[in-house]
Amino acid sequence: MALTFEEVCERLADLDEVTLLEVLNISSKEIIEKFQDKIEDNLEDLEKDLELDREGYDFYGDIT
């Protein structure tokens, strides 16, 4: 018996984020295009994180 759209969505929601992106074949560019409002809302924190990453730190504050 085939799953309904809602059942498929429920099962997809149980996947970890990386697996979900792979299953749905979603690229980083697509994420950025869809979530520009969230990027703008968090712009200051993202700028800091990206600058730290460039300096050799990861996003969690540990030296890489």
PDB file of N, CA and C in Angstrom:
ATOM      1  N   MET A   1       0.846  -1.180   0.000  1.00  0.00           N
ATOM      2  CA  MET A   1       0.000   0.000   0.000  1.00  0.00           C
ATOM      3  C   MET A   1       0.889   1.239   0.000  1.00  0.00           C
ATOM      4  N   ALA A   2       0.565   2.197  -0.840  1.00  0.00           N
ATOM      5  CA  ALA A   2       1.365   3.417  -0.980  1.00  0.00           C
ATOM      6  C   ALA A   2       1.131   4.347   0.211  1.00  0.00           C
ATOM      7  N   LEU A   3       2.188   5.079   0.565  1.00  0.00           N
ATOM      8  CA  LEU A   3       2.085   6.060   1.639  1.00  0.00           C
ATOM      9  C   LEU A   3       1.408   7.324   1.125  1.00  0.00           C
ATOM     10  N   THR A   4       0.719   8.001   1.996  1.00  0.00           N
ATOM     11  CA  THR A   4       0.137   9.294   1.636  1.00  0.00           C
ATOM     12  C   THR A   4       1.230  10.352   1.684  1.00  0.00           C
ATOM     13  N   PHE A   5       0.963  11.503   1.121  1.00  0.00           N
ATOM     14  CA  PHE A   5       1.908  12.615   1.158  1.00  0.00           C
ATOM     15  C   PHE A   5       2.262  12.962   2.598  1.00  0.00           C
ATOM     16  N   GLU A   6       1.270  13.008   3.457  1.00  0.00           N
ATOM     17  CA  GLU A   6       1.491  13.333   4.872  1.00  0.00           C
ATOM     18  C   GLU A   6       2.374  12.302   5.553  1.00  0.00           C
ATOM     19  N   GLU A   7       2.161  11.027   5.245  1.00  0.00           N
ATOM     20  CA  GLU A   7       2.979   9.967   5.831  1.00  0.00           C
ATOM     21  C   GLU A   7       4.436  10.073   5.369  1.00  0.00           C
ATOM     22  N   VAL A   8       4.623  10.381   4.098  1.00  0.00           N
ATOM     23  CA  VAL A   8       5.983  10.573   3.578  1.00  0.00           C
ATOM     24  C   VAL A   8       6.652  11.726   4.307  1.00  0.00           C
ATOM     25  N   CYS A   9       5.941  12.833   4.484  1.00  0.00           N
ATOM     26  CA  CYS A   9       6.491  13.999   5.185  1.00  0.00           C
ATOM     27  C   CYS A   9       6.848  13.657   6.621  1.00  0.00           C
ATOM     28  N   GLU A  10       6.006  12.904   7.295  1.00  0.00           N
ATOM     29  CA  GLU A  10       6.280  12.494   8.670  1.00  0.00           C
ATOM     30  C   GLU A  10       7.542  11.644   8.744  1.00  0.00           C
ATOM     31  N   ARG A  11       7.711  10.738   7.817  1.00  0.00           N
ATOM     32  CA  ARG A  11       8.898   9.877   7.819  1.00  0.00           C
ATOM     33  C   ARG A  11      10.155  10.675   7.475  1.00  0.00           C
ATOM     34  N   LEU A  12      10.019  11.609   6.551  1.00  0.00           N
ATOM     35  CA  LEU A  12      11.164  12.465   6.212  1.00  0.00           C
ATOM     36  C   LEU A  12      11.585  13.315   7.409  1.00  0.00           C
ATOM     37  N   ALA A  13      10.623  13.754   8.202  1.00  0.00           N
ATOM     38  CA  ALA A  13      10.912  14.585   9.380  1.00  0.00           C
ATOM     39  C   ALA A  13      11.734  13.819  10.423  1.00  0.00           C
ATOM     40  N   ASP A  14      11.704  12.502  10.379  1.00  0.00           N
ATOM     41  CA  ASP A  14      12.472  11.685  11.319  1.00  0.00           C
ATOM     42  C   ASP A  14      13.941  11.526  10.915  1.00  0.00           C
ATOM     43  N   LEU A  15      14.278  11.898   9.691  1.00  0.00           N
ATOM     44  CA  LEU A  15      15.658  11.768   9.220  1.00  0.00           C
ATOM     45  C   LEU A  15      16.524  12.880   9.796  1.00  0.00           C
ATOM     46  N   ASP A  16      17.823  12.605   9.918  1.00  0.00           N
ATOM     47  CA  ASP A  16      18.733  13.684  10.303  1.00  0.00           C
ATOM     48  C   ASP A  16      18.855  14.653   9.121  1.00  0.00           C
ATOM     49  N   GLU A  17      19.288  15.854   9.403  1.00  0.00           N
ATOM     50  CA  GLU A  17      19.286  16.926   8.407  1.00  0.00           C
ATOM     51  C   GLU A  17      20.124  16.609   7.174  1.00  0.00           C
ATOM     52  N   VAL A  18      21.299  16.040   7.374  1.00  0.00           N
ATOM     53  CA  VAL A  18      22.182  15.746   6.242  1.00  0.00           C
ATOM     54  C   VAL A  18      21.549  14.697   5.329  1.00  0.00           C
ATOM     55  N   THR A  19      21.008  13.650   5.928  1.00  0.00           N
ATOM     56  CA  THR A  19      20.353  12.609   5.137  1.00  0.00           C
ATOM     57  C   THR A  19      19.156  13.185   4.383  1.00  0.00           C
ATOM     58  N   LEU A  20      18.379  14.030   5.045  1.00  0.00           N
ATOM     59  CA  LEU A  20      17.226  14.638   4.396  1.00  0.00           C
ATOM     60  C   LEU A  20      17.644  15.458   3.175  1.00  0.00           C
ATOM     61  N   LEU A  21      18.700  16.259   3.318  1.00  0.00           N
ATOM     62  CA  LEU A  21      19.182  17.047   2.187  1.00  0.00           C
ATOM     63  C   LEU A  21      19.631  16.152   1.044  1.00  0.00           C
ATOM     64  N   GLU A  22      20.292  15.049   1.371  1.00  0.00           N
ATOM     65  CA  GLU A  22      20.734  14.114   0.333  1.00  0.00           C
ATOM     66  C   GLU A  22      19.550  13.436  -0.348  1.00  0.00           C
ATOM     67  N   VAL A  23      18.571  12.996   0.442  1.00  0.00           N
ATOM     68  CA  VAL A  23      17.399  12.314  -0.116  1.00  0.00           C
ATOM     69  C   VAL A  23      16.620  13.250  -1.041  1.00  0.00           C
ATOM     70  N   LEU A  24      16.497  14.509  -0.637  1.00  0.00           N
ATOM     71  CA  LEU A  24      15.750  15.483  -1.436  1.00  0.00           C
ATOM     72  C   LEU A  24      16.616  16.152  -2.505  1.00  0.00           C
ATOM     73  N   ASN A  25      17.911  15.810  -2.520  1.00  0.00           N
ATOM     74  CA  ASN A  25      18.844  16.365  -3.502  1.00  0.00           C
ATOM     75  C   ASN A  25      18.823  17.896  -3.485  1.00  0.00           C
ATOM     76  N   ILE A  26      18.988  18.461  -2.285  1.00  0.00           N
ATOM     77  CA  ILE A  26      18.963  19.908  -2.097  1.00  0.00           C
ATOM     78  C   ILE A  26      20.389  20.421  -1.962  1.00  0.00           C
ATOM     79  N   SER A  27      20.712  21.465  -2.714  1.00  0.00           N
ATOM     80  CA  SER A  27      22.064  22.033  -2.692  1.00  0.00           C
ATOM     81  C   SER A  27      22.140  23.204  -1.711  1.00  0.00           C
ATOM     82  N   SER A  28      23.364  23.582  -1.377  1.00  0.00           N
ATOM     83  CA  SER A  28      23.587  24.743  -0.512  1.00  0.00           C
ATOM     84  C   SER A  28      22.986  25.998  -1.136  1.00  0.00           C
ATOM     85  N   LYS A  29      23.152  26.137  -2.430  1.00  0.00           N
ATOM     86  CA  LYS A  29      22.609  27.302  -3.130  1.00  0.00           C
ATOM     87  C   LYS A  29      21.087  27.377  -2.985  1.00  0.00           C
ATOM     88  N   GLU A  30      20.417  26.242  -3.083  1.00  0.00           N
ATOM     89  CA  GLU A  30      18.963  26.209  -2.930  1.00  0.00           C
ATOM     90  C   GLU A  30      18.542  26.602  -1.515  1.00  0.00           C
ATOM     91  N   ILE A  31      19.306  26.135  -0.533  1.00  0.00           N
ATOM     92  CA  ILE A  31      19.005  26.489   0.859  1.00  0.00           C
ATOM     93  C   ILE A  31      19.115  27.995   1.047  1.00  0.00           C
ATOM     94  N   ILE A  32      20.192  28.566   0.540  1.00  0.00           N
ATOM     95  CA  ILE A  32      20.409  30.012   0.666  1.00  0.00           C
ATOM     96  C   ILE A  32      19.288  30.790  -0.013  1.00  0.00           C
ATOM     97  N   GLU A  33      18.885  30.357  -1.191  1.00  0.00           N
ATOM     98  CA  GLU A  33      17.806  31.040  -1.913  1.00  0.00           C
ATOM     99  C   GLU A  33      16.487  30.993  -1.137  1.00  0.00           C
ATOM    100  N   LYS A  34      16.200  29.872  -0.505  1.00  0.00           N
ATOM    101  CA  LYS A  34      14.925  29.700   0.208  1.00  0.00           C
ATOM    102  C   LYS A  34      14.902  30.354   1.582  1.00  0.00           C
ATOM    103  N   PHE A  35      16.073  30.544   2.184  1.00  0.00           N
ATOM    104  CA  PHE A  35      16.120  31.029   3.560  1.00  0.00           C
ATOM    105  C   PHE A  35      16.859  32.346   3.716  1.00  0.00           C
ATOM    106  N   GLN A  36      16.773  33.196   2.713  1.00  0.00           N
ATOM    107  CA  GLN A  36      17.438  34.499   2.791  1.00  0.00           C
ATOM    108  C   GLN A  36      16.929  35.321   3.965  1.00  0.00           C
ATOM    109  N   ASP A  37      15.662  35.194   4.316  1.00  0.00           N
ATOM    110  CA  ASP A  37      15.125  35.943   5.454  1.00  0.00           C
ATOM    111  C   ASP A  37      15.801  35.523   6.754  1.00  0.00           C
ATOM    112  N   LYS A  38      16.042  34.238   6.931  1.00  0.00           N
ATOM    113  CA  LYS A  38      16.721  33.760   8.144  1.00  0.00           C
ATOM    114  C   LYS A  38      18.182  34.182   8.152  1.00  0.00           C
ATOM    115  N   ILE A  39      18.813  34.173   6.995  1.00  0.00           N
ATOM    116  CA  ILE A  39      20.195  34.637   6.903  1.00  0.00           C
ATOM    117  C   ILE A  39      20.266  36.106   7.290  1.00  0.00           C
ATOM    118  N   GLU A  40      19.345  36.891   6.775  1.00  0.00           N
ATOM    119  CA  GLU A  40      19.320  38.318   7.111  1.00  0.00           C
ATOM    120  C   GLU A  40      19.066  38.528   8.606  1.00  0.00           C
ATOM    121  N   ASP A  41      18.158  37.761   9.193  1.00  0.00           N
ATOM    122  CA  ASP A  41      17.858  37.872  10.622  1.00  0.00           C
ATOM    123  C   ASP A  41      19.064  37.541  11.499  1.00  0.00           C
ATOM    124  N   ASN A  42      19.945  36.688  11.003  1.00  0.00           N
ATOM    125  CA  ASN A  42      21.104  36.227  11.782  1.00  0.00           C
ATOM    126  C   ASN A  42      22.422  36.712  11.196  1.00  0.00           C
ATOM    127  N   LEU A  43      22.376  37.776  10.427  1.00  0.00           N
ATOM    128  CA  LEU A  43      23.528  38.239   9.670  1.00  0.00           C
ATOM    129  C   LEU A  43      24.753  38.506  10.548  1.00  0.00           C
ATOM    130  N   GLU A  44      24.577  39.187  11.657  1.00  0.00           N
ATOM    131  CA  GLU A  44      25.724  39.516  12.506  1.00  0.00           C
ATOM    132  C   GLU A  44      26.410  38.267  13.035  1.00  0.00           C
ATOM    133  N   ASP A  45      25.639  37.322  13.536  1.00  0.00           N
ATOM    134  CA  ASP A  45      26.220  36.079  14.052  1.00  0.00           C
ATOM    135  C   ASP A  45      26.887  35.277  12.937  1.00  0.00           C
ATOM    136  N   LEU A  46      26.265  35.248  11.778  1.00  0.00           N
ATOM    137  CA  LEU A  46      26.847  34.509  10.649  1.00  0.00           C
ATOM    138  C   LEU A  46      28.163  35.133  10.206  1.00  0.00           C
ATOM    139  N   GLU A  47      28.211  36.465  10.171  1.00  0.00           N
ATOM    140  CA  GLU A  47      29.454  37.151   9.808  1.00  0.00           C
ATOM    141  C   GLU A  47      30.571  36.783  10.774  1.00  0.00           C
ATOM    142  N   LYS A  48      30.273  36.783  12.067  1.00  0.00           N
ATOM    143  CA  LYS A  48      31.273  36.430  13.081  1.00  0.00           C
ATOM    144  C   LYS A  48      31.730  34.986  12.899  1.00  0.00           C
ATOM    145  N   ASP A  49      30.779  34.074  12.716  1.00  0.00           N
ATOM    146  CA  ASP A  49      31.116  32.664  12.542  1.00  0.00           C
ATOM    147  C   ASP A  49      31.972  32.447  11.295  1.00  0.00           C
ATOM    148  N   LEU A  50      31.613  33.103  10.207  1.00  0.00           N
ATOM    149  CA  LEU A  50      32.371  32.938   8.969  1.00  0.00           C
ATOM    150  C   LEU A  50      33.767  33.526   9.086  1.00  0.00           C
ATOM    151  N   GLU A  51      33.903  34.627   9.795  1.00  0.00           N
ATOM    152  CA  GLU A  51      35.219  35.229  10.016  1.00  0.00           C
ATOM    153  C   GLU A  51      36.079  34.311  10.883  1.00  0.00           C
ATOM    154  N   LEU A  52      35.505  33.748  11.938  1.00  0.00           N
ATOM    155  CA  LEU A  52      36.234  32.808  12.785  1.00  0.00           C
ATOM    156  C   LEU A  52      36.665  31.587  11.991  1.00  0.00           C
ATOM    157  N   ASP A  53      35.785  31.107  11.123  1.00  0.00           N
ATOM    158  CA  ASP A  53      36.101  29.947  10.308  1.00  0.00           C
ATOM    159  C   ASP A  53      37.293  30.242   9.404  1.00  0.00           C
ATOM    160  N   ARG A  54      37.335  31.434   8.852  1.00  0.00           N
ATOM    161  CA  ARG A  54      38.433  31.828   7.968  1.00  0.00           C
ATOM    162  C   ARG A  54      39.746  31.925   8.750  1.00  0.00           C
ATOM    163  N   GLU A  55      39.656  32.263  10.027  1.00  0.00           N
ATOM    164  CA  GLU A  55      40.847  32.405  10.851  1.00  0.00           C
ATOM    165  C   GLU A  55      41.338  31.074  11.420  1.00  0.00           C
ATOM    166  N   GLY A  56      40.667  29.972  11.099  1.00  0.00           N
ATOM    167  CA  GLY A  56      41.120  28.677  11.556  1.00  0.00           C
ATOM    168  C   GLY A  56      40.350  28.105  12.712  1.00  0.00           C
ATOM    169  N   TYR A  57      39.210  28.670  13.024  1.00  0.00           N
ATOM    170  CA  TYR A  57      38.353  28.152  14.092  1.00  0.00           C
ATOM    171  C   TYR A  57      37.097  27.576  13.453  1.00  0.00           C
ATOM    172  N   ASP A  58      36.520  26.582  14.133  1.00  0.00           N
ATOM    173  CA  ASP A  58      35.250  26.082  13.623  1.00  0.00           C
ATOM    174  C   ASP A  58      34.110  26.889  14.247  1.00  0.00           C
ATOM    175  N   PHE A  59      32.898  26.603  13.841  1.00  0.00           N
ATOM    176  CA  PHE A  59      31.734  27.370  14.285  1.00  0.00           C
ATOM    177  C   PHE A  59      31.423  27.187  15.755  1.00  0.00           C
ATOM    178  N   TYR A  60      32.062  26.243  16.405  1.00  0.00           N
ATOM    179  CA  TYR A  60      31.790  25.996  17.816  1.00  0.00           C
ATOM    180  C   TYR A  60      32.872  26.587  18.710  1.00  0.00           C
ATOM    181  N   GLY A  61      33.801  27.304  18.110  1.00  0.00           N
ATOM    182  CA  GLY A  61      34.798  28.005  18.890  1.00  0.00           C
ATOM    183  C   GLY A  61      36.058  27.218  19.164  1.00  0.00           C
ATOM    184  N   ASP A  62      36.182  26.012  18.635  1.00  0.00           N
ATOM    185  CA  ASP A  62      37.387  25.213  18.831  1.00  0.00           C
ATOM    186  C   ASP A  62      38.381  25.480  17.714  1.00  0.00           C
ATOM    187  N   ILE A  63      39.649  25.376  18.017  1.00  0.00           N
ATOM    188  CA  ILE A  63      40.675  25.540  17.004  1.00  0.00           C
ATOM    189  C   ILE A  63      40.677  24.307  16.122  1.00  0.00           C
ATOM    190  N   THR A  64      40.745  24.518  14.803  1.00  0.00           N
ATOM    191  CA  THR A  64      40.761  23.380  13.877  1.00  0.00           C
ATOM    192  C   THR A  64      42.169  23.034  13.491  1.00  0.00           C
TER     193      THR A  64
END
